[in-house]
Protein backbone atom coordinates (compact mmCIF):
# COMPACT_ATOMS: atom_id res chain seq x y z
CA MET A 1 -14.60 14.55 18.74
CA SER A 2 -10.91 13.74 17.97
CA VAL A 3 -8.87 11.52 20.19
CA THR A 4 -5.45 12.69 21.10
CA VAL A 5 -2.80 10.06 20.39
CA ASN A 6 -1.67 9.97 24.06
CA ALA A 7 -5.13 9.00 24.95
CA LEU A 8 -4.87 5.82 22.95
CA PRO A 9 -3.76 2.39 24.46
CA ALA A 10 0.08 2.03 24.39
CA ARG A 11 0.18 -0.81 21.82
CA GLN A 12 -2.00 1.42 19.40
CA ARG A 13 0.27 4.47 20.08
CA ILE A 14 3.42 2.40 19.35
CA LEU A 15 1.86 0.84 16.14
CA LEU A 16 0.71 4.23 14.78
CA LYS A 17 4.02 6.05 15.49
CA ALA A 18 5.88 3.01 13.96
CA HIS A 19 3.59 3.28 10.88
CA ASP A 20 4.30 6.97 10.38
CA LEU A 21 8.02 6.51 10.74
CA PHE A 22 8.55 3.31 8.90
CA TYR A 23 6.56 4.65 5.86
CA ARG A 24 8.13 8.05 5.89
CA GLU A 25 11.66 7.24 6.74
CA GLY A 26 12.12 3.59 6.11
CA VAL A 27 12.23 0.49 8.42
CA ARG A 28 15.90 0.17 8.76
CA ALA A 29 16.42 3.96 9.37
CA THR A 30 13.88 3.96 12.09
CA GLY A 31 15.30 2.72 15.43
CA ILE A 32 13.22 1.30 18.38
CA ASP A 33 14.36 3.97 20.67
CA ARG A 34 13.00 6.63 18.55
CA ILE A 35 9.56 4.82 18.38
CA ILE A 36 9.58 4.45 22.10
CA ASN A 37 10.37 8.14 22.84
CA GLU A 38 7.87 9.51 20.23
CA SER A 39 5.09 7.17 21.19
CA GLY A 40 5.54 8.02 24.97
CA VAL A 41 5.94 4.66 26.30
CA THR A 42 8.59 2.90 28.43
CA LYS A 43 10.99 0.08 27.03
CA VAL A 44 9.27 -2.33 29.19
CA THR A 45 5.91 -1.28 27.74
CA PHE A 46 7.18 -1.42 24.28
CA TYR A 47 8.77 -5.06 24.59
CA ARG A 48 5.56 -6.28 26.37
CA HIS A 49 3.62 -5.51 23.24
CA PHE A 50 6.31 -6.18 20.60
CA PRO A 51 9.18 -8.51 21.74
CA SER A 52 11.31 -7.68 18.74
CA LYS A 53 11.44 -5.30 15.95
CA ASN A 54 10.49 -7.87 13.48
CA ASP A 55 7.17 -8.43 15.48
CA LEU A 56 6.60 -4.57 15.15
CA ILE A 57 7.34 -4.75 11.37
CA ALA A 58 4.77 -7.50 10.91
CA ALA A 59 2.18 -5.60 12.90
CA PHE A 60 2.99 -2.44 10.85
CA LEU A 61 2.51 -4.36 7.67
CA ALA A 62 -0.79 -5.94 8.79
CA TYR A 63 -2.05 -2.50 9.81
CA ARG A 64 -0.88 -0.89 6.51
CA HIS A 65 -2.47 -3.69 4.47
CA GLU A 66 -5.81 -3.25 6.30
CA GLN A 67 -5.77 0.58 5.89
CA TRP A 68 -4.66 0.60 2.38
CA LEU A 69 -6.82 -2.10 1.01
CA ALA A 70 -9.80 -0.56 2.61
CA TRP A 71 -9.08 2.73 0.89
CA PHE A 72 -8.23 1.11 -2.42
CA SER A 73 -11.52 -0.97 -2.31
CA GLN A 74 -13.58 2.12 -1.56
CA SER A 75 -11.88 4.36 -4.00
CA LEU A 76 -11.84 1.93 -6.83
CA THR A 77 -15.52 0.96 -6.30
CA ARG A 78 -16.42 4.75 -6.27
CA HIS A 79 -14.46 5.33 -9.50
CA VAL A 80 -15.96 2.21 -11.34
CA ALA A 81 -19.38 3.45 -10.37
CA THR A 82 -18.77 6.88 -12.12
CA ARG A 83 -16.48 5.66 -14.97
CA GLY A 84 -18.22 2.45 -15.82
CA ASP A 85 -15.29 0.02 -15.77
CA VAL A 86 -12.09 -0.73 -13.87
CA LEU A 87 -9.68 0.26 -16.68
CA SER A 88 -11.17 3.81 -16.58
CA ALA A 89 -11.31 3.91 -12.92
CA LEU A 90 -7.64 3.07 -12.18
CA VAL A 91 -6.07 6.41 -13.12
CA PRO A 92 -8.29 8.64 -11.01
CA CYS A 93 -8.16 6.04 -8.16
CA LEU A 94 -4.41 6.13 -8.09
CA GLU A 95 -4.27 9.80 -8.66
CA GLU A 96 -5.95 10.32 -5.27
CA TRP A 97 -2.99 8.50 -3.57
CA PHE A 98 -0.21 9.69 -5.63
CA ASN A 99 -1.23 13.32 -4.88
CA ASP A 100 -1.34 12.74 -1.19
CA PRO A 101 1.39 14.88 0.48
CA HIS A 102 2.50 11.85 2.60
CA TYR A 103 2.92 9.49 -0.50
CA ARG A 104 6.07 7.53 -0.37
CA GLY A 105 5.33 4.64 -2.58
CA CYS A 106 4.06 1.27 -1.60
CA ALA A 107 4.98 0.21 1.94
CA PHE A 108 5.13 -3.40 0.86
CA ILE A 109 7.46 -2.87 -2.07
CA ASN A 110 9.63 -0.59 0.16
CA THR A 111 9.81 -3.11 2.96
CA ALA A 112 10.41 -6.09 0.77
CA VAL A 113 13.34 -4.30 -1.01
CA GLU A 114 14.63 -2.95 2.44
CA LEU A 115 14.40 -6.13 4.26
CA ALA A 116 14.44 -9.17 1.87
CA ASP A 117 17.86 -10.23 3.35
CA MET A 118 17.15 -9.47 6.94
CA LEU A 119 13.41 -10.51 7.01
CA PRO A 120 12.57 -12.88 4.24
CA GLU A 121 9.05 -13.24 5.45
CA SER A 122 8.54 -9.63 4.38
CA LEU A 123 8.55 -10.98 0.80
CA ASN A 124 5.74 -13.31 1.64
CA ILE A 125 3.73 -10.58 3.21
CA ALA A 126 4.22 -8.33 0.19
CA ARG A 127 3.12 -11.18 -2.09
CA GLN A 128 -0.03 -11.71 0.04
CA HIS A 129 -0.84 -7.97 -0.16
CA LYS A 130 -0.24 -7.70 -3.87
CA GLY A 131 -2.47 -10.79 -4.28
CA GLN A 132 -5.28 -9.27 -2.40
CA MET A 133 -5.04 -6.07 -4.38
CA ALA A 134 -5.35 -8.25 -7.49
CA GLU A 135 -8.40 -9.85 -6.08
CA GLU A 136 -10.00 -6.45 -5.54
CA ILE A 137 -9.28 -5.50 -9.00
CA ALA A 138 -10.67 -8.79 -10.33
CA ARG A 139 -14.01 -8.12 -8.49
CA HIS A 140 -14.55 -5.38 -11.14
CA LEU A 141 -13.63 -7.39 -14.22
CA PRO A 142 -16.01 -9.50 -16.16
CA ALA A 143 -16.18 -13.09 -15.16
CA GLY A 144 -14.42 -15.55 -17.41
CA PRO A 145 -11.20 -17.64 -17.82
CA GLU A 146 -9.07 -14.42 -18.23
CA ARG A 147 -10.15 -12.59 -15.20
CA GLU A 148 -7.41 -13.49 -12.78
CA ARG A 149 -4.72 -12.96 -15.40
CA ARG A 150 -5.92 -9.62 -16.31
CA ALA A 151 -6.16 -8.54 -12.71
CA ALA A 152 -2.56 -9.72 -12.28
CA MET A 153 -1.58 -7.62 -15.37
CA LEU A 154 -3.22 -4.57 -14.00
CA GLY A 155 -1.54 -5.10 -10.73
CA MET A 156 1.73 -5.22 -12.34
CA LEU A 157 0.93 -1.90 -14.17
CA ILE A 158 -0.01 -0.38 -10.88
CA ASP A 159 3.14 -1.48 -9.25
CA GLY A 160 5.23 0.01 -11.91
CA ALA A 161 3.31 3.33 -11.65
CA ILE A 162 3.78 3.41 -7.97
CA VAL A 163 7.56 2.99 -8.28
CA LYS A 164 7.84 5.46 -11.11
CA VAL A 165 5.95 8.08 -9.14
CA GLN A 166 8.18 7.46 -6.17
CA ILE A 167 11.49 7.77 -8.05
CA GLU A 168 10.37 10.82 -10.10
CA GLN A 169 8.43 12.72 -7.39
CA GLN A 170 5.94 13.67 -9.94
CA ALA A 171 2.58 11.86 -10.62
CA GLN A 172 1.17 13.68 -13.79
CA ASN A 173 3.50 12.04 -16.37
CA THR A 174 3.01 8.63 -14.93
CA LEU A 175 -0.68 8.96 -14.73
CA LEU A 176 -0.71 9.89 -18.43
CA LEU A 177 1.49 6.95 -19.50
CA LEU A 178 -0.68 4.60 -17.34
CA SER A 179 -3.79 6.00 -18.97
CA GLY A 180 -2.31 5.22 -22.42
CA MET A 181 -1.30 1.69 -21.40
CA LEU A 182 -4.94 1.09 -20.05
CA GLU A 183 -6.38 2.30 -23.22
CA ALA A 184 -4.18 -0.06 -25.25
CA LEU A 185 -5.25 -2.92 -22.96
CA ALA A 186 -8.89 -2.15 -23.30
CA LEU A 187 -8.48 -2.24 -27.11
CA ALA A 188 -6.51 -5.43 -26.96
CA TRP A 189 -9.06 -7.22 -24.58
CA CYS A 190 -11.94 -6.15 -26.70
CA ALA A 191 -10.27 -7.62 -29.80
CA GLN A 192 -9.96 -11.12 -28.01
């Protein structure tokens, strides 16, 4: 049984609409009046839940973090189980996301770039998100003194792939390049 958006509480309708618009069209390009109109609430209701656009941006990023990290964790775990290790699992995991018709890059990279001057705390939020992404990767790496460093390296490769796919609007070439880089890393790590 599906719930229609209008049946949701006002705060949730606002947040879901802001999420869709911010991710698809950008934070600066999306005005509060549009979010109010499309979420079907009054200005008073909007400002009762989100006193400023910055409050809504912070809520959007928290929601996006929760949703994306849950997906990443589940997808990565599933692919590690079938592929045997995290290096082999990353390409098929990211391929799922890159081939989503709504893919528009990383909401945290996009927001940090868009708002670094206007909302400096967006950089801290992005840093925390990327840190938790690296922690998720580290869960699938062998224990040892290199675990966190290797997870950070893989996180940086992922971020590069995310941006490349967003710019080129074509995932396959990026996934082939990423696969080659991961194979080279696997060989280097085995040699250590």
